[in-house]
Amino acid sequence: MKIGVTSQNFRTITGHAGKTRRFLVYGQPDNAEVREISRLDLPKEMSMHEFRGEGGHPIDEFDVIVTASCGDGFMRRMAARGIRVICTAETDPLTAASAVCHGLPLAEPAPHEHHH
């Protein structure tokens, strides 16, 4: 399982998933401990808010995206790509990724308000 965690600062879980361009990527290679396996740093036009292209996208490698906040449109677009989205109030990426891998619940986020 590959878990993408939205993290604009590569330290904490950040929100606005549709505009996020930076992801910490976690996995559990060889059933070892959950750990960061890579990072994804996309150009602005590849954020899901901007991307309208056909075909593949680098986030398609994720099974799950963990974020602090996102809108319904982002959730629908990810579901169409086969990616489950989990919103959480947890701020530590490793704690969140470990919980997801072990099927544990995460702290619920504050309600998301979407403004254009």
N, C-alpha and C. Protein backbone atom coordinates (compact mmCIF):
# COMPACT_ATOMS: atom_id res chain seq x y z
N MET A 1 0.85 -1.18 0.00
CA MET A 1 0.00 0.00 0.00
C MET A 1 0.89 1.24 0.00
N LYS A 2 0.59 2.18 -0.89
CA LYS A 2 1.29 3.45 -0.92
C LYS A 2 0.35 4.54 -0.42
N ILE A 3 0.85 5.31 0.53
CA ILE A 3 0.06 6.37 1.13
C ILE A 3 0.73 7.70 0.83
N GLY A 4 -0.01 8.60 0.19
CA GLY A 4 0.48 9.95 -0.06
C GLY A 4 -0.08 10.88 1.00
N VAL A 5 0.81 11.61 1.67
CA VAL A 5 0.40 12.54 2.72
C VAL A 5 0.66 13.96 2.23
N THR A 6 -0.39 14.79 2.18
CA THR A 6 -0.21 16.17 1.74
C THR A 6 0.66 16.91 2.74
N SER A 7 1.75 17.49 2.25
CA SER A 7 2.69 18.17 3.14
C SER A 7 3.46 19.24 2.37
N GLN A 8 2.92 20.42 2.33
CA GLN A 8 3.57 21.51 1.61
C GLN A 8 4.95 21.83 2.19
N ASN A 9 5.18 21.53 3.48
CA ASN A 9 6.46 21.83 4.13
C ASN A 9 7.32 20.59 4.34
N PHE A 10 6.86 19.43 3.88
CA PHE A 10 7.56 18.14 4.06
C PHE A 10 7.84 17.83 5.53
N ARG A 11 7.03 18.37 6.45
CA ARG A 11 7.18 18.09 7.88
C ARG A 11 5.87 17.70 8.54
N THR A 12 4.79 18.39 8.17
CA THR A 12 3.50 18.15 8.80
C THR A 12 2.43 17.92 7.74
N ILE A 13 1.30 17.37 8.17
CA ILE A 13 0.18 17.17 7.26
C ILE A 13 -0.49 18.52 7.05
N THR A 14 -0.63 18.91 5.79
CA THR A 14 -1.25 20.18 5.47
C THR A 14 -2.56 19.95 4.71
N GLY A 15 -3.35 20.99 4.61
CA GLY A 15 -4.66 20.88 3.99
C GLY A 15 -4.69 21.38 2.56
N HIS A 16 -5.91 21.68 2.11
CA HIS A 16 -6.15 22.13 0.75
C HIS A 16 -5.55 21.14 -0.25
N ALA A 17 -5.96 19.90 -0.12
CA ALA A 17 -5.37 18.81 -0.91
C ALA A 17 -5.39 19.07 -2.41
N GLY A 18 -6.42 19.70 -2.91
CA GLY A 18 -6.49 19.95 -4.34
C GLY A 18 -5.39 20.87 -4.85
N LYS A 19 -4.90 21.76 -3.98
CA LYS A 19 -3.84 22.68 -4.38
C LYS A 19 -2.46 22.20 -3.96
N THR A 20 -2.41 21.13 -3.18
CA THR A 20 -1.13 20.61 -2.70
C THR A 20 -0.29 20.12 -3.86
N ARG A 21 1.00 20.45 -3.80
CA ARG A 21 1.95 19.98 -4.81
C ARG A 21 3.01 19.08 -4.20
N ARG A 22 3.04 19.02 -2.89
CA ARG A 22 4.06 18.22 -2.22
C ARG A 22 3.41 17.12 -1.38
N PHE A 23 3.94 15.93 -1.56
CA PHE A 23 3.44 14.76 -0.85
C PHE A 23 4.60 13.97 -0.27
N LEU A 24 4.46 13.53 0.97
CA LEU A 24 5.35 12.53 1.53
C LEU A 24 4.72 11.18 1.18
N VAL A 25 5.52 10.24 0.74
CA VAL A 25 5.00 8.94 0.32
C VAL A 25 5.47 7.89 1.32
N TYR A 26 4.50 7.18 1.90
CA TYR A 26 4.80 6.15 2.90
C TYR A 26 4.40 4.79 2.39
N GLY A 27 5.10 3.81 2.89
CA GLY A 27 4.79 2.43 2.55
C GLY A 27 5.32 1.51 3.62
N GLN A 28 5.11 0.24 3.40
CA GLN A 28 5.53 -0.79 4.35
C GLN A 28 6.26 -1.88 3.56
N PRO A 29 7.46 -1.55 3.04
CA PRO A 29 8.18 -2.52 2.20
C PRO A 29 8.47 -3.82 2.95
N ASP A 30 8.22 -4.92 2.29
CA ASP A 30 8.50 -6.25 2.86
C ASP A 30 7.86 -6.45 4.23
N ASN A 31 6.69 -5.82 4.44
CA ASN A 31 5.96 -5.91 5.71
C ASN A 31 6.79 -5.45 6.90
N ALA A 32 7.77 -4.60 6.64
CA ALA A 32 8.57 -4.02 7.72
C ALA A 32 7.76 -2.87 8.34
N GLU A 33 8.41 -2.03 9.10
CA GLU A 33 7.72 -0.89 9.69
C GLU A 33 7.35 0.12 8.62
N VAL A 34 6.28 0.84 8.85
CA VAL A 34 5.85 1.89 7.94
C VAL A 34 6.92 2.98 7.95
N ARG A 35 7.30 3.44 6.75
CA ARG A 35 8.33 4.48 6.68
C ARG A 35 8.13 5.31 5.42
N GLU A 36 8.76 6.48 5.42
CA GLU A 36 8.75 7.33 4.23
C GLU A 36 9.60 6.64 3.16
N ILE A 37 9.02 6.48 1.97
CA ILE A 37 9.77 5.81 0.90
C ILE A 37 10.14 6.77 -0.23
N SER A 38 9.47 7.91 -0.31
CA SER A 38 9.83 8.91 -1.31
C SER A 38 9.06 10.20 -1.05
N ARG A 39 9.33 11.17 -1.89
CA ARG A 39 8.62 12.46 -1.85
C ARG A 39 8.21 12.81 -3.26
N LEU A 40 7.09 13.51 -3.35
CA LEU A 40 6.59 13.95 -4.64
C LEU A 40 6.48 15.47 -4.58
N ASP A 41 7.12 16.16 -5.50
CA ASP A 41 7.10 17.62 -5.56
C ASP A 41 6.69 18.01 -6.97
N LEU A 42 5.43 18.35 -7.13
CA LEU A 42 4.85 18.60 -8.45
C LEU A 42 4.92 20.06 -8.85
N PRO A 43 5.01 20.35 -10.15
CA PRO A 43 4.87 21.74 -10.60
C PRO A 43 3.41 22.18 -10.39
N LYS A 44 3.19 23.48 -10.30
CA LYS A 44 1.85 24.02 -10.01
C LYS A 44 0.78 23.46 -10.94
N GLU A 45 1.09 23.34 -12.23
CA GLU A 45 0.09 22.88 -13.18
C GLU A 45 -0.30 21.41 -12.98
N MET A 46 0.44 20.70 -12.13
CA MET A 46 0.11 19.30 -11.86
C MET A 46 -0.65 19.12 -10.54
N SER A 47 -0.90 20.23 -9.81
CA SER A 47 -1.76 20.10 -8.63
C SER A 47 -3.14 19.67 -9.15
N MET A 48 -3.88 18.94 -8.37
CA MET A 48 -5.17 18.45 -8.85
C MET A 48 -6.15 19.59 -9.10
N HIS A 49 -5.94 20.73 -8.46
CA HIS A 49 -6.78 21.90 -8.70
C HIS A 49 -6.58 22.41 -10.13
N GLU A 50 -5.36 22.30 -10.65
CA GLU A 50 -5.02 22.79 -11.98
C GLU A 50 -5.09 21.72 -13.07
N PHE A 51 -4.80 20.48 -12.70
CA PHE A 51 -4.67 19.39 -13.68
C PHE A 51 -6.02 19.00 -14.26
N ARG A 52 -6.13 19.08 -15.56
CA ARG A 52 -7.35 18.67 -16.24
C ARG A 52 -7.01 17.72 -17.39
N GLY A 53 -5.78 17.24 -17.38
CA GLY A 53 -5.31 16.38 -18.46
C GLY A 53 -5.95 15.01 -18.45
N GLU A 54 -5.86 14.38 -19.56
CA GLU A 54 -6.32 13.00 -19.71
C GLU A 54 -5.18 12.08 -19.29
N GLY A 55 -5.53 10.87 -18.94
CA GLY A 55 -4.50 9.88 -18.66
C GLY A 55 -3.94 9.95 -17.26
N GLY A 56 -2.73 9.42 -17.15
CA GLY A 56 -2.11 9.24 -15.84
C GLY A 56 -1.61 10.52 -15.19
N HIS A 57 -1.42 10.41 -13.89
CA HIS A 57 -0.91 11.49 -13.07
C HIS A 57 -0.02 10.84 -12.01
N PRO A 58 1.03 11.53 -11.55
CA PRO A 58 1.92 10.92 -10.55
C PRO A 58 1.22 10.43 -9.28
N ILE A 59 0.12 11.05 -8.87
CA ILE A 59 -0.54 10.57 -7.65
C ILE A 59 -1.30 9.26 -7.86
N ASP A 60 -1.40 8.82 -9.11
CA ASP A 60 -2.09 7.56 -9.36
C ASP A 60 -1.38 6.38 -8.70
N GLU A 61 -0.14 6.57 -8.26
CA GLU A 61 0.58 5.49 -7.57
C GLU A 61 0.05 5.29 -6.14
N PHE A 62 -0.71 6.26 -5.63
CA PHE A 62 -1.20 6.17 -4.25
C PHE A 62 -2.45 5.31 -4.16
N ASP A 63 -2.54 4.56 -3.09
CA ASP A 63 -3.77 3.84 -2.75
C ASP A 63 -4.64 4.73 -1.86
N VAL A 64 -3.98 5.54 -1.05
CA VAL A 64 -4.66 6.41 -0.07
C VAL A 64 -3.95 7.76 -0.07
N ILE A 65 -4.73 8.83 0.09
CA ILE A 65 -4.17 10.16 0.36
C ILE A 65 -4.69 10.59 1.72
N VAL A 66 -3.76 11.04 2.57
CA VAL A 66 -4.11 11.58 3.88
C VAL A 66 -3.87 13.08 3.82
N THR A 67 -4.85 13.85 4.27
CA THR A 67 -4.77 15.30 4.21
C THR A 67 -5.48 15.92 5.41
N ALA A 68 -5.19 17.20 5.66
CA ALA A 68 -5.88 17.91 6.73
C ALA A 68 -7.23 18.44 6.26
N SER A 69 -7.36 18.69 4.95
CA SER A 69 -8.65 19.16 4.44
C SER A 69 -8.71 19.03 2.93
N CYS A 70 -9.94 18.89 2.44
CA CYS A 70 -10.18 18.87 0.99
C CYS A 70 -11.67 19.07 0.76
N GLY A 71 -12.00 19.42 -0.45
CA GLY A 71 -13.39 19.60 -0.82
C GLY A 71 -14.00 18.34 -1.40
N ASP A 72 -15.31 18.36 -1.58
CA ASP A 72 -16.01 17.21 -2.15
C ASP A 72 -15.55 16.90 -3.57
N GLY A 73 -15.22 17.93 -4.35
CA GLY A 73 -14.75 17.72 -5.71
C GLY A 73 -13.46 16.92 -5.74
N PHE A 74 -12.54 17.23 -4.83
CA PHE A 74 -11.29 16.49 -4.74
C PHE A 74 -11.57 15.03 -4.39
N MET A 75 -12.45 14.83 -3.43
CA MET A 75 -12.77 13.45 -3.02
C MET A 75 -13.37 12.66 -4.18
N ARG A 76 -14.24 13.29 -4.95
CA ARG A 76 -14.84 12.61 -6.10
C ARG A 76 -13.79 12.29 -7.17
N ARG A 77 -12.93 13.25 -7.45
CA ARG A 77 -11.88 13.02 -8.46
C ARG A 77 -10.94 11.89 -8.03
N MET A 78 -10.60 11.84 -6.76
CA MET A 78 -9.71 10.78 -6.30
C MET A 78 -10.42 9.42 -6.34
N ALA A 79 -11.69 9.40 -5.96
CA ALA A 79 -12.45 8.14 -6.01
C ALA A 79 -12.49 7.61 -7.44
N ALA A 80 -12.64 8.52 -8.41
CA ALA A 80 -12.67 8.11 -9.81
C ALA A 80 -11.32 7.53 -10.25
N ARG A 81 -10.25 7.91 -9.55
CA ARG A 81 -8.91 7.40 -9.85
C ARG A 81 -8.59 6.16 -9.00
N GLY A 82 -9.52 5.76 -8.16
CA GLY A 82 -9.30 4.58 -7.31
C GLY A 82 -8.49 4.87 -6.07
N ILE A 83 -8.47 6.14 -5.65
CA ILE A 83 -7.69 6.55 -4.48
C ILE A 83 -8.64 6.93 -3.35
N ARG A 84 -8.44 6.33 -2.19
CA ARG A 84 -9.23 6.66 -1.00
C ARG A 84 -8.62 7.88 -0.32
N VAL A 85 -9.45 8.82 0.11
CA VAL A 85 -8.99 10.04 0.78
C VAL A 85 -9.42 10.00 2.23
N ILE A 86 -8.47 10.29 3.11
CA ILE A 86 -8.75 10.36 4.55
C ILE A 86 -8.36 11.75 5.03
N CYS A 87 -9.32 12.47 5.60
CA CYS A 87 -9.05 13.77 6.21
C CYS A 87 -8.88 13.57 7.71
N THR A 88 -7.90 14.27 8.27
CA THR A 88 -7.60 14.09 9.68
C THR A 88 -7.10 15.37 10.33
N ALA A 89 -7.24 15.44 11.64
CA ALA A 89 -6.67 16.53 12.43
C ALA A 89 -5.24 16.17 12.87
N GLU A 90 -4.84 14.92 12.65
CA GLU A 90 -3.47 14.50 12.98
C GLU A 90 -2.49 15.36 12.17
N THR A 91 -1.40 15.77 12.80
CA THR A 91 -0.43 16.60 12.09
C THR A 91 0.86 15.86 11.74
N ASP A 92 1.11 14.72 12.38
CA ASP A 92 2.34 13.98 12.13
C ASP A 92 2.15 12.96 11.00
N PRO A 93 2.87 13.11 9.90
CA PRO A 93 2.68 12.21 8.75
C PRO A 93 2.93 10.74 9.06
N LEU A 94 3.99 10.42 9.80
CA LEU A 94 4.30 9.02 10.09
C LEU A 94 3.22 8.39 10.97
N THR A 95 2.75 9.13 11.96
CA THR A 95 1.67 8.63 12.83
C THR A 95 0.43 8.31 12.00
N ALA A 96 0.08 9.21 11.10
CA ALA A 96 -1.11 9.01 10.26
C ALA A 96 -0.93 7.84 9.32
N ALA A 97 0.22 7.75 8.65
CA ALA A 97 0.46 6.66 7.71
C ALA A 97 0.46 5.32 8.43
N SER A 98 1.05 5.26 9.61
CA SER A 98 1.05 4.02 10.39
C SER A 98 -0.36 3.61 10.77
N ALA A 99 -1.17 4.57 11.18
CA ALA A 99 -2.56 4.27 11.54
C ALA A 99 -3.31 3.71 10.33
N VAL A 100 -3.13 4.31 9.17
CA VAL A 100 -3.80 3.84 7.96
C VAL A 100 -3.37 2.41 7.64
N CYS A 101 -2.07 2.15 7.69
CA CYS A 101 -1.56 0.80 7.38
C CYS A 101 -2.09 -0.26 8.35
N HIS A 102 -2.32 0.14 9.59
CA HIS A 102 -2.78 -0.81 10.60
C HIS A 102 -4.29 -0.77 10.81
N GLY A 103 -5.00 0.00 9.98
CA GLY A 103 -6.45 0.04 10.07
C GLY A 103 -6.98 0.75 11.30
N LEU A 104 -6.19 1.66 11.86
CA LEU A 104 -6.61 2.39 13.05
C LEU A 104 -7.26 3.71 12.68
N PRO A 105 -8.18 4.19 13.50
CA PRO A 105 -8.85 5.47 13.18
C PRO A 105 -7.92 6.65 13.40
N LEU A 106 -8.18 7.71 12.67
CA LEU A 106 -7.45 8.97 12.82
C LEU A 106 -8.37 10.03 13.38
N ALA A 107 -7.80 11.03 14.05
CA ALA A 107 -8.58 12.13 14.60
C ALA A 107 -9.35 12.84 13.48
N GLU A 108 -10.60 13.14 13.73
CA GLU A 108 -11.45 13.82 12.75
C GLU A 108 -10.98 15.26 12.55
N PRO A 109 -11.02 15.74 11.30
CA PRO A 109 -10.61 17.13 11.04
C PRO A 109 -11.74 18.10 11.34
N ALA A 110 -11.38 19.39 11.38
CA ALA A 110 -12.40 20.44 11.46
C ALA A 110 -13.15 20.44 10.13
N PRO A 111 -14.39 20.90 10.10
CA PRO A 111 -15.14 20.97 8.83
C PRO A 111 -14.40 21.81 7.80
N HIS A 112 -14.46 21.39 6.54
CA HIS A 112 -13.79 22.09 5.45
C HIS A 112 -14.73 23.11 4.84
N GLU A 113 -14.25 24.35 4.72
CA GLU A 113 -15.01 25.38 4.03
C GLU A 113 -14.30 25.67 2.74
N HIS A 114 -15.03 25.63 1.65
CA HIS A 114 -14.43 25.79 0.32
C HIS A 114 -14.86 27.12 -0.25
N HIS A 115 -13.89 27.99 -0.51
CA HIS A 115 -14.18 29.32 -1.07
C HIS A 115 -13.43 29.49 -2.37
N HIS A 116 -14.06 30.10 -3.35
CA HIS A 116 -13.38 30.40 -4.62
C HIS A 116 -13.22 31.88 -4.76
